[in-house]
Amino acid sequence: MLFAVFGVIDLLLRVLTYIIIAQAILSWLVAFNVINTYNDFVRSFLNALDRITEPLYRPIRRVLPDFGGIDFSPLVVLLLISVLRMLLAGLASDLAAG
């Protein structure tokens, strides 16, 4: 039962990683005018991604200094997710061995 919970948490963290990567790439494409934000679908999709990721970025943006237009908060969140996934894998293997 506990391993199933670890599996679900790991799956959710992987999905969140993909969402953050997609949001970062799409924000670059919007910044370089590759994607037209006047399209309703694109605008609503970007808005949905922003609503998902903004609560994760906000505390990190408060701590990080201003880098002049470059946002490193997605990178920090991805690093934290990687650390959390490693800790969960280690905990799962310790429980399996013990």
PDB file of N, CA and C in Angstrom:
ATOM      1  N   MET A   1       0.820  -1.197   0.000  1.00  0.00           N
ATOM      2  CA  MET A   1       0.000   0.000   0.000  1.00  0.00           C
ATOM      3  C   MET A   1       0.858   1.253   0.000  1.00  0.00           C
ATOM      4  N   LEU A   2       1.899   1.230   0.822  1.00  0.00           N
ATOM      5  CA  LEU A   2       2.774   2.399   0.923  1.00  0.00           C
ATOM      6  C   LEU A   2       3.568   2.616  -0.355  1.00  0.00           C
ATOM      7  N   PHE A   3       3.932   1.528  -1.019  1.00  0.00           N
ATOM      8  CA  PHE A   3       4.668   1.654  -2.281  1.00  0.00           C
ATOM      9  C   PHE A   3       3.790   2.231  -3.382  1.00  0.00           C
ATOM     10  N   ALA A   4       2.503   1.951  -3.325  1.00  0.00           N
ATOM     11  CA  ALA A   4       1.573   2.531  -4.290  1.00  0.00           C
ATOM     12  C   ALA A   4       1.477   4.042  -4.089  1.00  0.00           C
ATOM     13  N   VAL A   5       1.481   4.477  -2.843  1.00  0.00           N
ATOM     14  CA  VAL A   5       1.455   5.915  -2.550  1.00  0.00           C
ATOM     15  C   VAL A   5       2.725   6.575  -3.070  1.00  0.00           C
ATOM     16  N   PHE A   6       3.870   5.931  -2.851  1.00  0.00           N
ATOM     17  CA  PHE A   6       5.128   6.470  -3.383  1.00  0.00           C
ATOM     18  C   PHE A   6       5.094   6.540  -4.907  1.00  0.00           C
ATOM     19  N   GLY A   7       4.505   5.534  -5.538  1.00  0.00           N
ATOM     20  CA  GLY A   7       4.393   5.527  -6.991  1.00  0.00           C
ATOM     21  C   GLY A   7       3.516   6.657  -7.507  1.00  0.00           C
ATOM     22  N   VAL A   8       2.409   6.905  -6.832  1.00  0.00           N
ATOM     23  CA  VAL A   8       1.513   7.991  -7.236  1.00  0.00           C
ATOM     24  C   VAL A   8       2.194   9.342  -7.046  1.00  0.00           C
ATOM     25  N   ILE A   9       2.881   9.520  -5.939  1.00  0.00           N
ATOM     26  CA  ILE A   9       3.596  10.783  -5.695  1.00  0.00           C
ATOM     27  C   ILE A   9       4.678  10.988  -6.741  1.00  0.00           C
ATOM     28  N   ASP A  10       5.405   9.931  -7.069  1.00  0.00           N
ATOM     29  CA  ASP A  10       6.440  10.032  -8.091  1.00  0.00           C
ATOM     30  C   ASP A  10       5.843  10.378  -9.450  1.00  0.00           C
ATOM     31  N   LEU A  11       4.711   9.782  -9.784  1.00  0.00           N
ATOM     32  CA  LEU A  11       4.032  10.090 -11.043  1.00  0.00           C
ATOM     33  C   LEU A  11       3.596  11.550 -11.086  1.00  0.00           C
ATOM     34  N   LEU A  12       3.027  12.047 -10.010  1.00  0.00           N
ATOM     35  CA  LEU A  12       2.596  13.442  -9.957  1.00  0.00           C
ATOM     36  C   LEU A  12       3.778  14.402 -10.076  1.00  0.00           C
ATOM     37  N   LEU A  13       4.898  14.037  -9.460  1.00  0.00           N
ATOM     38  CA  LEU A  13       6.086  14.883  -9.564  1.00  0.00           C
ATOM     39  C   LEU A  13       6.645  14.875 -10.991  1.00  0.00           C
ATOM     40  N   ARG A  14       6.579  13.737 -11.665  1.00  0.00           N
ATOM     41  CA  ARG A  14       7.013  13.687 -13.066  1.00  0.00           C
ATOM     42  C   ARG A  14       6.107  14.518 -13.961  1.00  0.00           C
ATOM     43  N   VAL A  15       4.804  14.435 -13.754  1.00  0.00           N
ATOM     44  CA  VAL A  15       3.861  15.244 -14.536  1.00  0.00           C
ATOM     45  C   VAL A  15       4.102  16.728 -14.283  1.00  0.00           C
ATOM     46  N   LEU A  16       4.340  17.093 -13.036  1.00  0.00           N
ATOM     47  CA  LEU A  16       4.634  18.487 -12.707  1.00  0.00           C
ATOM     48  C   LEU A  16       5.924  18.953 -13.379  1.00  0.00           C
ATOM     49  N   THR A  17       6.901  18.074 -13.480  1.00  0.00           N
ATOM     50  CA  THR A  17       8.140  18.407 -14.185  1.00  0.00           C
ATOM     51  C   THR A  17       7.858  18.707 -15.653  1.00  0.00           C
ATOM     52  N   TYR A  18       7.039  17.883 -16.285  1.00  0.00           N
ATOM     53  CA  TYR A  18       6.694  18.122 -17.692  1.00  0.00           C
ATOM     54  C   TYR A  18       5.912  19.417 -17.862  1.00  0.00           C
ATOM     55  N   ILE A  19       5.038  19.722 -16.923  1.00  0.00           N
ATOM     56  CA  ILE A  19       4.267  20.965 -16.994  1.00  0.00           C
ATOM     57  C   ILE A  19       5.182  22.168 -16.881  1.00  0.00           C
ATOM     58  N   ILE A  20       6.148  22.116 -15.978  1.00  0.00           N
ATOM     59  CA  ILE A  20       7.082  23.236 -15.796  1.00  0.00           C
ATOM     60  C   ILE A  20       7.936  23.421 -17.043  1.00  0.00           C
ATOM     61  N   ILE A  21       8.403  22.330 -17.622  1.00  0.00           N
ATOM     62  CA  ILE A  21       9.217  22.436 -18.833  1.00  0.00           C
ATOM     63  C   ILE A  21       8.390  23.004 -19.984  1.00  0.00           C
ATOM     64  N   ALA A  22       7.156  22.536 -20.133  1.00  0.00           N
ATOM     65  CA  ALA A  22       6.292  23.056 -21.197  1.00  0.00           C
ATOM     66  C   ALA A  22       6.002  24.533 -20.991  1.00  0.00           C
ATOM     67  N   GLN A  23       5.754  24.935 -19.754  1.00  0.00           N
ATOM     68  CA  GLN A  23       5.471  26.339 -19.469  1.00  0.00           C
ATOM     69  C   GLN A  23       6.678  27.209 -19.758  1.00  0.00           C
ATOM     70  N   ALA A  24       7.861  26.745 -19.426  1.00  0.00           N
ATOM     71  CA  ALA A  24       9.071  27.524 -19.687  1.00  0.00           C
ATOM     72  C   ALA A  24       9.310  27.675 -21.189  1.00  0.00           C
ATOM     73  N   ILE A  25       9.163  26.590 -21.933  1.00  0.00           N
ATOM     74  CA  ILE A  25       9.373  26.656 -23.382  1.00  0.00           C
ATOM     75  C   ILE A  25       8.337  27.554 -24.043  1.00  0.00           C
ATOM     76  N   LEU A  26       7.082  27.426 -23.631  1.00  0.00           N
ATOM     77  CA  LEU A  26       6.049  28.273 -24.218  1.00  0.00           C
ATOM     78  C   LEU A  26       6.246  29.745 -23.865  1.00  0.00           C
ATOM     79  N   SER A  27       6.744  30.027 -22.673  1.00  0.00           N
ATOM     80  CA  SER A  27       6.999  31.431 -22.325  1.00  0.00           C
ATOM     81  C   SER A  27       8.122  32.006 -23.185  1.00  0.00           C
ATOM     82  N   TRP A  28       9.115  31.188 -23.531  1.00  0.00           N
ATOM     83  CA  TRP A  28      10.170  31.659 -24.440  1.00  0.00           C
ATOM     84  C   TRP A  28       9.603  31.912 -25.825  1.00  0.00           C
ATOM     85  N   LEU A  29       8.743  31.003 -26.292  1.00  0.00           N
ATOM     86  CA  LEU A  29       8.150  31.165 -27.614  1.00  0.00           C
ATOM     87  C   LEU A  29       7.260  32.405 -27.688  1.00  0.00           C
ATOM     88  N   VAL A  30       6.580  32.707 -26.611  1.00  0.00           N
ATOM     89  CA  VAL A  30       5.770  33.926 -26.566  1.00  0.00           C
ATOM     90  C   VAL A  30       6.669  35.150 -26.531  1.00  0.00           C
ATOM     91  N   ALA A  31       7.755  35.084 -25.776  1.00  0.00           N
ATOM     92  CA  ALA A  31       8.666  36.227 -25.671  1.00  0.00           C
ATOM     93  C   ALA A  31       9.321  36.553 -27.006  1.00  0.00           C
ATOM     94  N   PHE A  32       9.579  35.555 -27.824  1.00  0.00           N
ATOM     95  CA  PHE A  32      10.206  35.778 -29.127  1.00  0.00           C
ATOM     96  C   PHE A  32       9.181  35.869 -30.261  1.00  0.00           C
ATOM     97  N   ASN A  33       7.906  36.024 -29.922  1.00  0.00           N
ATOM     98  CA  ASN A  33       6.808  36.174 -30.883  1.00  0.00           C
ATOM     99  C   ASN A  33       6.709  35.023 -31.883  1.00  0.00           C
ATOM    100  N   VAL A  34       7.015  33.829 -31.446  1.00  0.00           N
ATOM    101  CA  VAL A  34       6.841  32.653 -32.285  1.00  0.00           C
ATOM    102  C   VAL A  34       5.393  32.173 -32.192  1.00  0.00           C
ATOM    103  N   ILE A  35       4.811  32.312 -30.996  1.00  0.00           N
ATOM    104  CA  ILE A  35       3.429  31.915 -30.769  1.00  0.00           C
ATOM    105  C   ILE A  35       2.588  33.178 -30.641  1.00  0.00           C
ATOM    106  N   ASN A  36       1.460  33.178 -31.315  1.00  0.00           N
ATOM    107  CA  ASN A  36       0.540  34.302 -31.295  1.00  0.00           C
ATOM    108  C   ASN A  36      -0.396  34.171 -30.095  1.00  0.00           C
ATOM    109  N   THR A  37      -0.321  35.107 -29.161  1.00  0.00           N
ATOM    110  CA  THR A  37      -1.162  35.031 -27.972  1.00  0.00           C
ATOM    111  C   THR A  37      -2.559  35.589 -28.202  1.00  0.00           C
ATOM    112  N   TYR A  38      -2.862  36.042 -29.411  1.00  0.00           N
ATOM    113  CA  TYR A  38      -4.212  36.511 -29.709  1.00  0.00           C
ATOM    114  C   TYR A  38      -5.172  35.349 -29.957  1.00  0.00           C
ATOM    115  N   ASN A  39      -4.645  34.174 -30.156  1.00  0.00           N
ATOM    116  CA  ASN A  39      -5.466  32.982 -30.312  1.00  0.00           C
ATOM    117  C   ASN A  39      -6.055  32.611 -28.948  1.00  0.00           C
ATOM    118  N   ASP A  40      -7.342  32.362 -28.891  1.00  0.00           N
ATOM    119  CA  ASP A  40      -8.008  32.074 -27.614  1.00  0.00           C
ATOM    120  C   ASP A  40      -7.507  30.789 -26.976  1.00  0.00           C
ATOM    121  N   PHE A  41      -7.276  29.753 -27.790  1.00  0.00           N
ATOM    122  CA  PHE A  41      -6.798  28.490 -27.233  1.00  0.00           C
ATOM    123  C   PHE A  41      -5.408  28.652 -26.627  1.00  0.00           C
ATOM    124  N   VAL A  42      -4.525  29.329 -27.336  1.00  0.00           N
ATOM    125  CA  VAL A  42      -3.163  29.521 -26.841  1.00  0.00           C
ATOM    126  C   VAL A  42      -3.185  30.342 -25.556  1.00  0.00           C
ATOM    127  N   ARG A  43      -3.989  31.397 -25.545  1.00  0.00           N
ATOM    128  CA  ARG A  43      -4.054  32.251 -24.369  1.00  0.00           C
ATOM    129  C   ARG A  43      -4.603  31.487 -23.167  1.00  0.00           C
ATOM    130  N   SER A  44      -5.650  30.678 -23.366  1.00  0.00           N
ATOM    131  CA  SER A  44      -6.215  29.920 -22.248  1.00  0.00           C
ATOM    132  C   SER A  44      -5.262  28.814 -21.787  1.00  0.00           C
ATOM    133  N   PHE A  45      -4.541  28.208 -22.722  1.00  0.00           N
ATOM    134  CA  PHE A  45      -3.564  27.180 -22.349  1.00  0.00           C
ATOM    135  C   PHE A  45      -2.422  27.782 -21.536  1.00  0.00           C
ATOM    136  N   LEU A  46      -1.911  28.928 -21.967  1.00  0.00           N
ATOM    137  CA  LEU A  46      -0.852  29.603 -21.213  1.00  0.00           C
ATOM    138  C   LEU A  46      -1.348  30.062 -19.850  1.00  0.00           C
ATOM    139  N   ASN A  47      -2.590  30.519 -19.797  1.00  0.00           N
ATOM    140  CA  ASN A  47      -3.165  30.944 -18.528  1.00  0.00           C
ATOM    141  C   ASN A  47      -3.291  29.761 -17.571  1.00  0.00           C
ATOM    142  N   ALA A  48      -3.705  28.606 -18.082  1.00  0.00           N
ATOM    143  CA  ALA A  48      -3.818  27.411 -17.245  1.00  0.00           C
ATOM    144  C   ALA A  48      -2.450  26.976 -16.720  1.00  0.00           C
ATOM    145  N   LEU A  49      -1.441  27.004 -17.579  1.00  0.00           N
ATOM    146  CA  LEU A  49      -0.095  26.637 -17.133  1.00  0.00           C
ATOM    147  C   LEU A  49       0.423  27.622 -16.090  1.00  0.00           C
ATOM    148  N   ASP A  50       0.134  28.902 -16.275  1.00  0.00           N
ATOM    149  CA  ASP A  50       0.554  29.902 -15.290  1.00  0.00           C
ATOM    150  C   ASP A  50      -0.142  29.689 -13.953  1.00  0.00           C
ATOM    151  N   ARG A  51      -1.412  29.335 -13.985  1.00  0.00           N
ATOM    152  CA  ARG A  51      -2.136  29.095 -12.734  1.00  0.00           C
ATOM    153  C   ARG A  51      -1.615  27.861 -12.002  1.00  0.00           C
ATOM    154  N   ILE A  52      -1.123  26.899 -12.741  1.00  0.00           N
ATOM    155  CA  ILE A  52      -0.576  25.696 -12.114  1.00  0.00           C
ATOM    156  C   ILE A  52       0.802  25.984 -11.513  1.00  0.00           C
ATOM    157  N   THR A  53       1.633  26.702 -12.236  1.00  0.00           N
ATOM    158  CA  THR A  53       3.023  26.866 -11.806  1.00  0.00           C
ATOM    159  C   THR A  53       3.267  28.076 -10.907  1.00  0.00           C
ATOM    160  N   GLU A  54       2.440  29.092 -10.984  1.00  0.00           N
ATOM    161  CA  GLU A  54       2.693  30.310 -10.211  1.00  0.00           C
ATOM    162  C   GLU A  54       2.755  30.080  -8.699  1.00  0.00           C
ATOM    163  N   PRO A  55       1.877  29.253  -8.100  1.00  0.00           N
ATOM    164  CA  PRO A  55       2.025  29.018  -6.651  1.00  0.00           C
ATOM    165  C   PRO A  55       3.350  28.352  -6.273  1.00  0.00           C
ATOM    166  N   LEU A  56       3.943  27.623  -7.192  1.00  0.00           N
ATOM    167  CA  LEU A  56       5.251  27.012  -6.918  1.00  0.00           C
ATOM    168  C   LEU A  56       6.380  28.033  -7.041  1.00  0.00           C
ATOM    169  N   TYR A  57       6.243  28.954  -7.996  1.00  0.00           N
ATOM    170  CA  TYR A  57       7.300  29.931  -8.251  1.00  0.00           C
ATOM    171  C   TYR A  57       7.308  31.074  -7.248  1.00  0.00           C
ATOM    172  N   ARG A  58       6.146  31.463  -6.750  1.00  0.00           N
ATOM    173  CA  ARG A  58       6.025  32.662  -5.927  1.00  0.00           C
ATOM    174  C   ARG A  58       6.952  32.664  -4.703  1.00  0.00           C
ATOM    175  N   PRO A  59       7.008  31.604  -3.888  1.00  0.00           N
ATOM    176  CA  PRO A  59       7.913  31.657  -2.727  1.00  0.00           C
ATOM    177  C   PRO A  59       9.387  31.707  -3.133  1.00  0.00           C
ATOM    178  N   ILE A  60       9.712  31.083  -4.241  1.00  0.00           N
ATOM    179  CA  ILE A  60      11.102  31.078  -4.691  1.00  0.00           C
ATOM    180  C   ILE A  60      11.484  32.442  -5.242  1.00  0.00           C
ATOM    181  N   ARG A  61      10.573  33.098  -5.923  1.00  0.00           N
ATOM    182  CA  ARG A  61      10.846  34.434  -6.460  1.00  0.00           C
ATOM    183  C   ARG A  61      11.062  35.449  -5.343  1.00  0.00           C
ATOM    184  N   ARG A  62      10.427  35.230  -4.194  1.00  0.00           N
ATOM    185  CA  ARG A  62      10.647  36.123  -3.060  1.00  0.00           C
ATOM    186  C   ARG A  62      12.062  35.990  -2.508  1.00  0.00           C
ATOM    187  N   VAL A  63      12.618  34.788  -2.587  1.00  0.00           N
ATOM    188  CA  VAL A  63      13.936  34.534  -2.013  1.00  0.00           C
ATOM    189  C   VAL A  63      15.055  34.874  -2.995  1.00  0.00           C
ATOM    190  N   LEU A  64      14.876  34.545  -4.269  1.00  0.00           N
ATOM    191  CA  LEU A  64      15.919  34.777  -5.273  1.00  0.00           C
ATOM    192  C   LEU A  64      16.087  36.271  -5.545  1.00  0.00           C
ATOM    193  N   PRO A  65      17.313  36.701  -5.774  1.00  0.00           N
ATOM    194  CA  PRO A  65      17.516  38.105  -6.161  1.00  0.00           C
ATOM    195  C   PRO A  65      17.054  38.342  -7.596  1.00  0.00           C
ATOM    196  N   ASP A  66      16.900  39.598  -7.962  1.00  0.00           N
ATOM    197  CA  ASP A  66      16.473  39.954  -9.306  1.00  0.00           C
ATOM    198  C   ASP A  66      17.655  39.790 -10.263  1.00  0.00           C
ATOM    199  N   PHE A  67      17.456  39.014 -11.311  1.00  0.00           N
ATOM    200  CA  PHE A  67      18.509  38.764 -12.286  1.00  0.00           C
ATOM    201  C   PHE A  67      18.279  39.530 -13.580  1.00  0.00           C
ATOM    202  N   GLY A  68      17.452  40.548 -13.538  1.00  0.00           N
ATOM    203  CA  GLY A  68      17.256  41.401 -14.700  1.00  0.00           C
ATOM    204  C   GLY A  68      16.549  40.742 -15.856  1.00  0.00           C
ATOM    205  N   GLY A  69      15.359  40.248 -15.638  1.00  0.00           N
ATOM    206  CA  GLY A  69      14.568  39.687 -16.722  1.00  0.00           C
ATOM    207  C   GLY A  69      14.709  38.191 -16.909  1.00  0.00           C
ATOM    208  N   ILE A  70      15.648  37.570 -16.237  1.00  0.00           N
ATOM    209  CA  ILE A  70      15.810  36.117 -16.337  1.00  0.00           C
ATOM    210  C   ILE A  70      15.216  35.494 -15.079  1.00  0.00           C
ATOM    211  N   ASP A  71      14.292  34.581 -15.275  1.00  0.00           N
ATOM    212  CA  ASP A  71      13.598  33.945 -14.156  1.00  0.00           C
ATOM    213  C   ASP A  71      14.186  32.558 -13.928  1.00  0.00           C
ATOM    214  N   PHE A  72      14.855  32.383 -12.804  1.00  0.00           N
ATOM    215  CA  PHE A  72      15.456  31.094 -12.474  1.00  0.00           C
ATOM    216  C   PHE A  72      14.564  30.234 -11.582  1.00  0.00           C
ATOM    217  N   SER A  73      13.372  30.723 -11.256  1.00  0.00           N
ATOM    218  CA  SER A  73      12.500  29.953 -10.370  1.00  0.00           C
ATOM    219  C   SER A  73      12.060  28.610 -10.964  1.00  0.00           C
ATOM    220  N   PRO A  74      11.793  28.483 -12.282  1.00  0.00           N
ATOM    221  CA  PRO A  74      11.482  27.134 -12.791  1.00  0.00           C
ATOM    222  C   PRO A  74      12.641  26.160 -12.608  1.00  0.00           C
ATOM    223  N   LEU A  75      13.856  26.633 -12.780  1.00  0.00           N
ATOM    224  CA  LEU A  75      15.017  25.772 -12.590  1.00  0.00           C
ATOM    225  C   LEU A  75      15.135  25.324 -11.138  1.00  0.00           C
ATOM    226  N   VAL A  76      14.892  26.231 -10.215  1.00  0.00           N
ATOM    227  CA  VAL A  76      14.961  25.887  -8.795  1.00  0.00           C
ATOM    228  C   VAL A  76      13.876  24.880  -8.435  1.00  0.00           C
ATOM    229  N   VAL A  77      12.673  25.079  -8.964  1.00  0.00           N
ATOM    230  CA  VAL A  77      11.580  24.133  -8.695  1.00  0.00           C
ATOM    231  C   VAL A  77      11.911  22.761  -9.276  1.00  0.00           C
ATOM    232  N   LEU A  78      12.472  22.725 -10.472  1.00  0.00           N
ATOM    233  CA  LEU A  78      12.855  21.438 -11.062  1.00  0.00           C
ATOM    234  C   LEU A  78      13.933  20.740 -10.237  1.00  0.00           C
ATOM    235  N   LEU A  79      14.883  21.498  -9.723  1.00  0.00           N
ATOM    236  CA  LEU A  79      15.908  20.906  -8.858  1.00  0.00           C
ATOM    237  C   LEU A  79      15.296  20.370  -7.564  1.00  0.00           C
ATOM    238  N   LEU A  80      14.366  21.126  -6.982  1.00  0.00           N
ATOM    239  CA  LEU A  80      13.706  20.657  -5.764  1.00  0.00           C
ATOM    240  C   LEU A  80      12.876  19.404  -6.018  1.00  0.00           C
ATOM    241  N   ILE A  81      12.214  19.333  -7.163  1.00  0.00           N
ATOM    242  CA  ILE A  81      11.447  18.138  -7.515  1.00  0.00           C
ATOM    243  C   ILE A  81      12.378  16.945  -7.683  1.00  0.00           C
ATOM    244  N   SER A  82      13.538  17.155  -8.297  1.00  0.00           N
ATOM    245  CA  SER A  82      14.504  16.055  -8.468  1.00  0.00           C
ATOM    246  C   SER A  82      15.005  15.555  -7.122  1.00  0.00           C
ATOM    247  N   VAL A  83      15.299  16.476  -6.217  1.00  0.00           N
ATOM    248  CA  VAL A  83      15.752  16.086  -4.879  1.00  0.00           C
ATOM    249  C   VAL A  83      14.652  15.323  -4.154  1.00  0.00           C
ATOM    250  N   LEU A  84      13.421  15.807  -4.246  1.00  0.00           N
ATOM    251  CA  LEU A  84      12.299  15.139  -3.592  1.00  0.00           C
ATOM    252  C   LEU A  84      12.078  13.738  -4.156  1.00  0.00           C
ATOM    253  N   ARG A  85      12.206  13.588  -5.473  1.00  0.00           N
ATOM    254  CA  ARG A  85      12.046  12.259  -6.076  1.00  0.00           C
ATOM    255  C   ARG A  85      13.158  11.312  -5.611  1.00  0.00           C
ATOM    256  N   MET A  86      14.398  11.828  -5.479  1.00  0.00           N
ATOM    257  CA  MET A  86      15.497  10.992  -4.984  1.00  0.00           C
ATOM    258  C   MET A  86      15.261  10.569  -3.538  1.00  0.00           C
ATOM    259  N   LEU A  87      14.774  11.507  -2.724  1.00  0.00           N
ATOM    260  CA  LEU A  87      14.497  11.176  -1.328  1.00  0.00           C
ATOM    261  C   LEU A  87      13.376  10.147  -1.217  1.00  0.00           C
ATOM    262  N   LEU A  88      12.347  10.288  -2.041  1.00  0.00           N
ATOM    263  CA  LEU A  88      11.263   9.301  -2.013  1.00  0.00           C
ATOM    264  C   LEU A  88      11.733   7.938  -2.490  1.00  0.00           C
ATOM    265  N   ALA A  89      12.590   7.903  -3.491  1.00  0.00           N
ATOM    266  CA  ALA A  89      13.118   6.615  -3.974  1.00  0.00           C
ATOM    267  C   ALA A  89      13.992   5.965  -2.900  1.00  0.00           C
ATOM    268  N   GLY A  90      14.789   6.776  -2.218  1.00  0.00           N
ATOM    269  CA  GLY A  90      15.608   6.236  -1.138  1.00  0.00           C
ATOM    270  C   GLY A  90      14.778   5.716   0.012  1.00  0.00           C
ATOM    271  N   LEU A  91      13.733   6.451   0.354  1.00  0.00           N
ATOM    272  CA  LEU A  91      12.837   6.011   1.420  1.00  0.00           C
ATOM    273  C   LEU A  91      12.109   4.726   1.041  1.00  0.00           C
ATOM    274  N   ALA A  92      11.689   4.631  -0.204  1.00  0.00           N
ATOM    275  CA  ALA A  92      11.002   3.423  -0.670  1.00  0.00           C
ATOM    276  C   ALA A  92      11.952   2.212  -0.644  1.00  0.00           C
ATOM    277  N   SER A  93      13.205   2.420  -1.049  1.00  0.00           N
ATOM    278  CA  SER A  93      14.152   1.298  -1.039  1.00  0.00           C
ATOM    279  C   SER A  93      14.520   0.904   0.397  1.00  0.00           C
ATOM    280  N   ASP A  94      14.589   1.873   1.299  1.00  0.00           N
ATOM    281  CA  ASP A  94      14.854   1.539   2.705  1.00  0.00           C
ATOM    282  C   ASP A  94      13.706   0.745   3.313  1.00  0.00           C
ATOM    283  N   LEU A  95      12.480   1.126   2.960  1.00  0.00           N
ATOM    284  CA  LEU A  95      11.326   0.377   3.464  1.00  0.00           C
ATOM    285  C   LEU A  95      11.253  -1.018   2.869  1.00  0.00           C
ATOM    286  N   ALA A  96      11.689  -1.162   1.617  1.00  0.00           N
ATOM    287  CA  ALA A  96      11.665  -2.476   0.984  1.00  0.00           C
ATOM    288  C   ALA A  96      12.721  -3.387   1.605  1.00  0.00           C
ATOM    289  N   ALA A  97      13.874  -2.823   1.960  1.00  0.00           N
ATOM    290  CA  ALA A  97      14.948  -3.625   2.527  1.00  0.00           C
ATOM    291  C   ALA A  97      14.667  -3.982   3.984  1.00  0.00           C
ATOM    292  N   GLY A  98      13.953  -3.120   4.675  1.00  0.00           N
ATOM    293  CA  GLY A  98      13.744  -3.338   6.113  1.00  0.00           C
ATOM    294  C   GLY A  98      12.497  -3.957   6.435  1.00  0.00           C
TER     295      GLY A  98
END
